[in-house]
Amino acid sequence: MLMFSHFYFTGDDKADRREVTIVDYGTALINPWADRITQLGGKLQVNTPVGDLKIDPDNGRLTHVIDDETNQYDHVILATDLPATKKILESTIKSNHEHEPENCRDLYQSQGECR
């Protein structure tokens, strides 16, 4: 962090004149953002366990199972730390490719070539 601060303040001539909020970030940034998403018809779910994201092969939209309920989403924001994000994405890759052939020869056997 110290190196970042050093490079930021020495590398940008306007860095010492940046604007910062005088209230907490929830009030200044997060709450207005959440309010706007809700106004636009979005739905925010917090403190919701996420195992993986499922991709609908028919329309390419994301689906996710929450409490035995499947929902479709246009967008998903993962507000998680790096280890949790890595775990979710690894699980997503595994679950969305579990029914694919082991290798391309199985997939393209009828065509006689491997792409």
N, C-alpha and C. Protein backbone atom coordinates (compact mmCIF):
# COMPACT_ATOMS: atom_id res chain seq x y z
N MET A 1 0.83 -1.18 0.00
CA MET A 1 0.00 0.00 0.00
C MET A 1 0.87 1.25 0.00
N LEU A 2 1.95 1.18 0.74
CA LEU A 2 2.86 2.32 0.80
C LEU A 2 3.43 2.62 -0.57
N MET A 3 3.82 1.58 -1.32
CA MET A 3 4.37 1.78 -2.66
C MET A 3 3.30 2.38 -3.58
N PHE A 4 2.06 1.88 -3.47
CA PHE A 4 0.99 2.42 -4.29
C PHE A 4 0.82 3.92 -4.01
N SER A 5 0.75 4.28 -2.74
CA SER A 5 0.59 5.69 -2.38
C SER A 5 1.74 6.53 -2.91
N HIS A 6 2.94 6.00 -2.78
CA HIS A 6 4.12 6.73 -3.27
C HIS A 6 4.00 6.99 -4.78
N PHE A 7 3.71 5.94 -5.55
CA PHE A 7 3.62 6.11 -7.00
C PHE A 7 2.43 6.97 -7.40
N TYR A 8 1.33 6.85 -6.67
CA TYR A 8 0.15 7.64 -6.99
C TYR A 8 0.43 9.13 -6.80
N PHE A 9 0.97 9.48 -5.66
CA PHE A 9 1.18 10.89 -5.35
C PHE A 9 2.35 11.50 -6.11
N THR A 10 3.35 10.70 -6.47
CA THR A 10 4.47 11.26 -7.24
C THR A 10 4.22 11.17 -8.74
N GLY A 11 3.30 10.32 -9.16
CA GLY A 11 3.07 10.14 -10.59
C GLY A 11 1.93 10.95 -11.16
N ASP A 12 1.15 11.60 -10.32
CA ASP A 12 0.00 12.36 -10.80
C ASP A 12 0.05 13.75 -10.17
N ASP A 13 0.19 14.76 -11.01
CA ASP A 13 0.32 16.12 -10.48
C ASP A 13 -0.95 16.64 -9.81
N LYS A 14 -2.08 15.98 -10.03
CA LYS A 14 -3.33 16.41 -9.41
C LYS A 14 -3.72 15.53 -8.22
N ALA A 15 -2.87 14.59 -7.85
CA ALA A 15 -3.21 13.64 -6.80
C ALA A 15 -3.46 14.30 -5.46
N ASP A 16 -2.76 15.36 -5.17
CA ASP A 16 -2.94 16.00 -3.87
C ASP A 16 -4.20 16.86 -3.82
N ARG A 17 -4.91 17.01 -4.94
CA ARG A 17 -6.14 17.79 -4.98
C ARG A 17 -7.36 16.91 -5.25
N ARG A 18 -7.24 15.64 -4.97
CA ARG A 18 -8.36 14.74 -5.22
C ARG A 18 -9.47 14.98 -4.21
N GLU A 19 -10.69 14.69 -4.62
CA GLU A 19 -11.83 14.88 -3.75
C GLU A 19 -12.13 13.57 -3.02
N VAL A 20 -12.41 13.68 -1.76
CA VAL A 20 -12.78 12.51 -0.97
C VAL A 20 -14.08 12.83 -0.24
N THR A 21 -14.79 11.81 0.10
CA THR A 21 -16.06 12.00 0.78
C THR A 21 -15.83 12.39 2.24
N ILE A 22 -16.76 13.18 2.76
CA ILE A 22 -16.66 13.58 4.17
C ILE A 22 -17.62 12.76 5.03
N VAL A 23 -18.35 11.85 4.39
CA VAL A 23 -19.21 10.91 5.11
C VAL A 23 -18.72 9.50 4.79
N ASP A 24 -19.31 8.51 5.43
CA ASP A 24 -18.88 7.14 5.18
C ASP A 24 -19.21 6.72 3.75
N TYR A 25 -18.51 5.72 3.25
CA TYR A 25 -18.67 5.30 1.86
C TYR A 25 -20.04 4.67 1.59
N GLY A 26 -20.66 4.09 2.60
CA GLY A 26 -22.01 3.57 2.41
C GLY A 26 -22.98 4.67 2.03
N THR A 27 -22.91 5.78 2.76
CA THR A 27 -23.79 6.92 2.51
C THR A 27 -23.43 7.62 1.21
N ALA A 28 -22.14 7.78 0.95
CA ALA A 28 -21.69 8.54 -0.22
C ALA A 28 -21.74 7.75 -1.52
N LEU A 29 -21.50 6.45 -1.45
CA LEU A 29 -21.30 5.69 -2.69
C LEU A 29 -22.23 4.49 -2.82
N ILE A 30 -22.20 3.60 -1.85
CA ILE A 30 -22.92 2.33 -1.97
C ILE A 30 -24.44 2.52 -1.96
N ASN A 31 -24.96 3.27 -1.01
CA ASN A 31 -26.42 3.43 -0.93
C ASN A 31 -27.01 4.10 -2.17
N PRO A 32 -26.44 5.20 -2.70
CA PRO A 32 -26.99 5.77 -3.94
C PRO A 32 -26.92 4.79 -5.12
N TRP A 33 -25.85 4.02 -5.18
CA TRP A 33 -25.70 3.03 -6.25
C TRP A 33 -26.78 1.96 -6.12
N ALA A 34 -27.00 1.45 -4.91
CA ALA A 34 -28.02 0.44 -4.68
C ALA A 34 -29.42 1.00 -4.96
N ASP A 35 -29.66 2.24 -4.55
CA ASP A 35 -30.96 2.87 -4.82
C ASP A 35 -31.22 2.98 -6.32
N ARG A 36 -30.21 3.35 -7.08
CA ARG A 36 -30.37 3.51 -8.53
C ARG A 36 -30.63 2.16 -9.20
N ILE A 37 -29.94 1.13 -8.78
CA ILE A 37 -30.17 -0.20 -9.33
C ILE A 37 -31.61 -0.63 -9.06
N THR A 38 -32.09 -0.38 -7.86
CA THR A 38 -33.47 -0.72 -7.50
C THR A 38 -34.47 0.09 -8.32
N GLN A 39 -34.20 1.38 -8.53
CA GLN A 39 -35.08 2.23 -9.34
C GLN A 39 -35.19 1.71 -10.77
N LEU A 40 -34.11 1.14 -11.27
CA LEU A 40 -34.10 0.61 -12.63
C LEU A 40 -34.69 -0.80 -12.72
N GLY A 41 -35.22 -1.29 -11.62
CA GLY A 41 -35.85 -2.61 -11.62
C GLY A 41 -34.93 -3.74 -11.22
N GLY A 42 -33.72 -3.40 -10.81
CA GLY A 42 -32.78 -4.42 -10.37
C GLY A 42 -33.11 -4.92 -8.98
N LYS A 43 -32.58 -6.08 -8.68
CA LYS A 43 -32.81 -6.68 -7.38
C LYS A 43 -31.46 -6.97 -6.74
N LEU A 44 -31.27 -6.47 -5.55
CA LEU A 44 -30.03 -6.71 -4.82
C LEU A 44 -30.26 -7.78 -3.78
N GLN A 45 -29.37 -8.74 -3.73
CA GLN A 45 -29.44 -9.78 -2.72
C GLN A 45 -28.12 -9.76 -1.97
N VAL A 46 -28.19 -9.54 -0.68
CA VAL A 46 -26.98 -9.50 0.13
C VAL A 46 -27.03 -10.66 1.12
N ASN A 47 -25.87 -11.02 1.62
CA ASN A 47 -25.75 -12.14 2.55
C ASN A 47 -26.39 -13.40 1.99
N THR A 48 -26.21 -13.62 0.70
CA THR A 48 -26.78 -14.77 0.02
C THR A 48 -25.66 -15.71 -0.38
N PRO A 49 -25.70 -16.96 0.07
CA PRO A 49 -24.63 -17.89 -0.31
C PRO A 49 -24.63 -18.15 -1.81
N VAL A 50 -23.45 -18.17 -2.38
CA VAL A 50 -23.29 -18.45 -3.80
C VAL A 50 -22.33 -19.61 -3.94
N GLY A 51 -22.81 -20.71 -4.53
CA GLY A 51 -21.94 -21.85 -4.77
C GLY A 51 -21.27 -21.74 -6.11
N ASP A 52 -22.08 -21.53 -7.12
CA ASP A 52 -21.56 -21.32 -8.46
C ASP A 52 -22.64 -20.65 -9.30
N LEU A 53 -22.24 -20.19 -10.46
CA LEU A 53 -23.16 -19.55 -11.40
C LEU A 53 -23.40 -20.54 -12.53
N LYS A 54 -24.63 -20.77 -12.82
CA LYS A 54 -24.97 -21.69 -13.90
C LYS A 54 -25.31 -20.86 -15.14
N ILE A 55 -24.86 -21.33 -16.29
CA ILE A 55 -25.12 -20.64 -17.55
C ILE A 55 -26.11 -21.47 -18.35
N ASP A 56 -27.21 -20.85 -18.72
CA ASP A 56 -28.24 -21.53 -19.51
C ASP A 56 -27.71 -21.70 -20.92
N PRO A 57 -27.55 -22.94 -21.39
CA PRO A 57 -26.98 -23.16 -22.73
C PRO A 57 -27.89 -22.67 -23.86
N ASP A 58 -29.19 -22.52 -23.58
CA ASP A 58 -30.11 -22.09 -24.62
C ASP A 58 -30.03 -20.59 -24.91
N ASN A 59 -29.85 -19.78 -23.86
CA ASN A 59 -29.85 -18.34 -24.09
C ASN A 59 -28.60 -17.64 -23.56
N GLY A 60 -27.69 -18.37 -22.94
CA GLY A 60 -26.44 -17.78 -22.46
C GLY A 60 -26.59 -16.91 -21.23
N ARG A 61 -27.77 -16.89 -20.63
CA ARG A 61 -27.98 -16.08 -19.43
C ARG A 61 -27.51 -16.83 -18.20
N LEU A 62 -27.16 -16.07 -17.19
CA LEU A 62 -26.72 -16.66 -15.94
C LEU A 62 -27.92 -17.10 -15.12
N THR A 63 -27.81 -18.25 -14.52
CA THR A 63 -28.80 -18.69 -13.55
C THR A 63 -28.05 -19.06 -12.28
N HIS A 64 -28.74 -19.04 -11.20
CA HIS A 64 -28.12 -19.38 -9.92
C HIS A 64 -29.19 -19.96 -9.02
N VAL A 65 -28.88 -21.00 -8.32
CA VAL A 65 -29.85 -21.63 -7.44
C VAL A 65 -29.71 -21.05 -6.04
N ILE A 66 -30.79 -20.48 -5.54
CA ILE A 66 -30.83 -19.91 -4.20
C ILE A 66 -32.02 -20.52 -3.47
N ASP A 67 -31.77 -21.18 -2.36
CA ASP A 67 -32.84 -21.76 -1.55
C ASP A 67 -33.84 -22.56 -2.39
N ASP A 68 -33.33 -23.49 -3.17
CA ASP A 68 -34.15 -24.36 -4.03
C ASP A 68 -34.94 -23.59 -5.07
N GLU A 69 -34.53 -22.39 -5.39
CA GLU A 69 -35.23 -21.56 -6.36
C GLU A 69 -34.22 -21.16 -7.45
N THR A 70 -34.59 -21.33 -8.71
CA THR A 70 -33.70 -20.94 -9.79
C THR A 70 -34.14 -19.60 -10.35
N ASN A 71 -33.22 -18.67 -10.42
CA ASN A 71 -33.50 -17.33 -10.93
C ASN A 71 -32.62 -17.05 -12.13
N GLN A 72 -33.10 -16.23 -13.06
CA GLN A 72 -32.28 -15.80 -14.20
C GLN A 72 -31.86 -14.36 -13.98
N TYR A 73 -30.63 -14.07 -14.39
CA TYR A 73 -30.08 -12.73 -14.20
C TYR A 73 -29.50 -12.20 -15.49
N ASP A 74 -29.60 -10.90 -15.69
CA ASP A 74 -28.91 -10.24 -16.80
C ASP A 74 -27.46 -9.96 -16.41
N HIS A 75 -27.25 -9.61 -15.17
CA HIS A 75 -25.91 -9.28 -14.67
C HIS A 75 -25.76 -9.80 -13.25
N VAL A 76 -24.54 -10.15 -12.90
CA VAL A 76 -24.23 -10.58 -11.54
C VAL A 76 -22.99 -9.82 -11.09
N ILE A 77 -23.05 -9.27 -9.91
CA ILE A 77 -21.89 -8.60 -9.32
C ILE A 77 -21.46 -9.43 -8.12
N LEU A 78 -20.24 -9.90 -8.17
CA LEU A 78 -19.70 -10.66 -7.04
C LEU A 78 -18.94 -9.70 -6.14
N ALA A 79 -19.54 -9.33 -5.05
CA ALA A 79 -18.88 -8.44 -4.09
C ALA A 79 -18.26 -9.30 -3.00
N THR A 80 -17.26 -10.05 -3.40
CA THR A 80 -16.61 -10.99 -2.49
C THR A 80 -15.11 -10.74 -2.48
N ASP A 81 -14.45 -11.32 -1.50
CA ASP A 81 -13.00 -11.22 -1.49
C ASP A 81 -12.42 -12.17 -2.55
N LEU A 82 -11.14 -12.06 -2.80
CA LEU A 82 -10.51 -12.83 -3.87
C LEU A 82 -10.64 -14.34 -3.69
N PRO A 83 -10.38 -14.91 -2.50
CA PRO A 83 -10.54 -16.36 -2.36
C PRO A 83 -11.96 -16.84 -2.63
N ALA A 84 -12.96 -16.10 -2.18
CA ALA A 84 -14.35 -16.50 -2.43
C ALA A 84 -14.69 -16.40 -3.91
N THR A 85 -14.24 -15.34 -4.57
CA THR A 85 -14.48 -15.20 -6.01
C THR A 85 -13.83 -16.34 -6.77
N LYS A 86 -12.60 -16.69 -6.41
CA LYS A 86 -11.90 -17.79 -7.07
C LYS A 86 -12.67 -19.10 -6.89
N LYS A 87 -13.15 -19.36 -5.69
CA LYS A 87 -13.90 -20.58 -5.41
C LYS A 87 -15.19 -20.64 -6.24
N ILE A 88 -15.90 -19.53 -6.31
CA ILE A 88 -17.15 -19.48 -7.08
C ILE A 88 -16.87 -19.70 -8.56
N LEU A 89 -15.86 -19.04 -9.11
CA LEU A 89 -15.57 -19.17 -10.54
C LEU A 89 -15.04 -20.56 -10.88
N GLU A 90 -14.23 -21.15 -10.01
CA GLU A 90 -13.77 -22.52 -10.26
C GLU A 90 -14.94 -23.49 -10.27
N SER A 91 -15.86 -23.33 -9.33
CA SER A 91 -17.04 -24.18 -9.27
C SER A 91 -17.93 -23.96 -10.50
N THR A 92 -18.03 -22.71 -10.94
CA THR A 92 -18.82 -22.38 -12.13
C THR A 92 -18.26 -23.07 -13.36
N ILE A 93 -16.96 -22.99 -13.54
CA ILE A 93 -16.33 -23.63 -14.71
C ILE A 93 -16.56 -25.12 -14.67
N LYS A 94 -16.37 -25.73 -13.51
CA LYS A 94 -16.55 -27.18 -13.38
C LYS A 94 -17.99 -27.58 -13.67
N SER A 95 -18.96 -26.90 -13.07
CA SER A 95 -20.36 -27.30 -13.23
C SER A 95 -20.90 -27.03 -14.62
N ASN A 96 -20.37 -26.03 -15.31
CA ASN A 96 -20.87 -25.73 -16.65
C ASN A 96 -20.20 -26.58 -17.73
N HIS A 97 -19.14 -27.30 -17.36
CA HIS A 97 -18.46 -28.15 -18.34
C HIS A 97 -18.51 -29.62 -17.97
N GLU A 98 -19.32 -29.99 -16.99
CA GLU A 98 -19.31 -31.37 -16.53
C GLU A 98 -19.90 -32.35 -17.54
N HIS A 99 -20.71 -31.88 -18.47
CA HIS A 99 -21.32 -32.77 -19.45
C HIS A 99 -20.62 -32.73 -20.79
N GLU A 100 -19.50 -32.03 -20.86
CA GLU A 100 -18.76 -31.99 -22.12
C GLU A 100 -17.87 -33.21 -22.24
N PRO A 101 -17.54 -33.61 -23.47
CA PRO A 101 -16.65 -34.75 -23.66
C PRO A 101 -15.27 -34.47 -23.08
N GLU A 102 -14.56 -35.53 -22.76
CA GLU A 102 -13.23 -35.40 -22.17
C GLU A 102 -12.25 -34.74 -23.12
N ASN A 103 -12.38 -35.00 -24.39
CA ASN A 103 -11.46 -34.38 -25.35
C ASN A 103 -12.20 -34.08 -26.64
N CYS A 104 -11.58 -33.32 -27.50
CA CYS A 104 -12.25 -32.89 -28.71
C CYS A 104 -12.48 -34.04 -29.69
N ARG A 105 -11.72 -35.11 -29.59
CA ARG A 105 -11.94 -36.25 -30.48
C ARG A 105 -13.33 -36.84 -30.26
N ASP A 106 -13.77 -36.92 -29.00
CA ASP A 106 -15.11 -37.42 -28.73
C ASP A 106 -16.17 -36.49 -29.31
N LEU A 107 -15.91 -35.20 -29.24
CA LEU A 107 -16.87 -34.22 -29.72
C LEU A 107 -17.00 -34.22 -31.23
N TYR A 108 -15.88 -34.31 -31.92
CA TYR A 108 -15.88 -34.19 -33.38
C TYR A 108 -15.58 -35.52 -34.07
N GLN A 109 -15.90 -36.62 -33.43
CA GLN A 109 -15.59 -37.93 -33.98
C GLN A 109 -16.24 -38.12 -35.35
N SER A 110 -17.45 -37.66 -35.52
CA SER A 110 -18.13 -37.85 -36.80
C SER A 110 -17.51 -37.03 -37.91
N GLN A 111 -16.82 -35.95 -37.57
CA GLN A 111 -16.21 -35.10 -38.59
C GLN A 111 -14.81 -35.54 -38.93
N GLY A 112 -14.24 -36.41 -38.12
CA GLY A 112 -12.92 -36.93 -38.41
C GLY A 112 -11.79 -35.96 -38.17
N GLU A 113 -12.04 -34.87 -37.49
CA GLU A 113 -10.98 -33.92 -37.19
C GLU A 113 -11.19 -33.31 -35.82
N CYS A 114 -10.12 -32.82 -35.27
CA CYS A 114 -10.16 -32.20 -33.95
C CYS A 114 -9.90 -30.71 -34.12
N ARG A 115 -10.81 -29.89 -33.68
CA ARG A 115 -10.66 -28.44 -33.84
C ARG A 115 -9.95 -27.83 -32.68
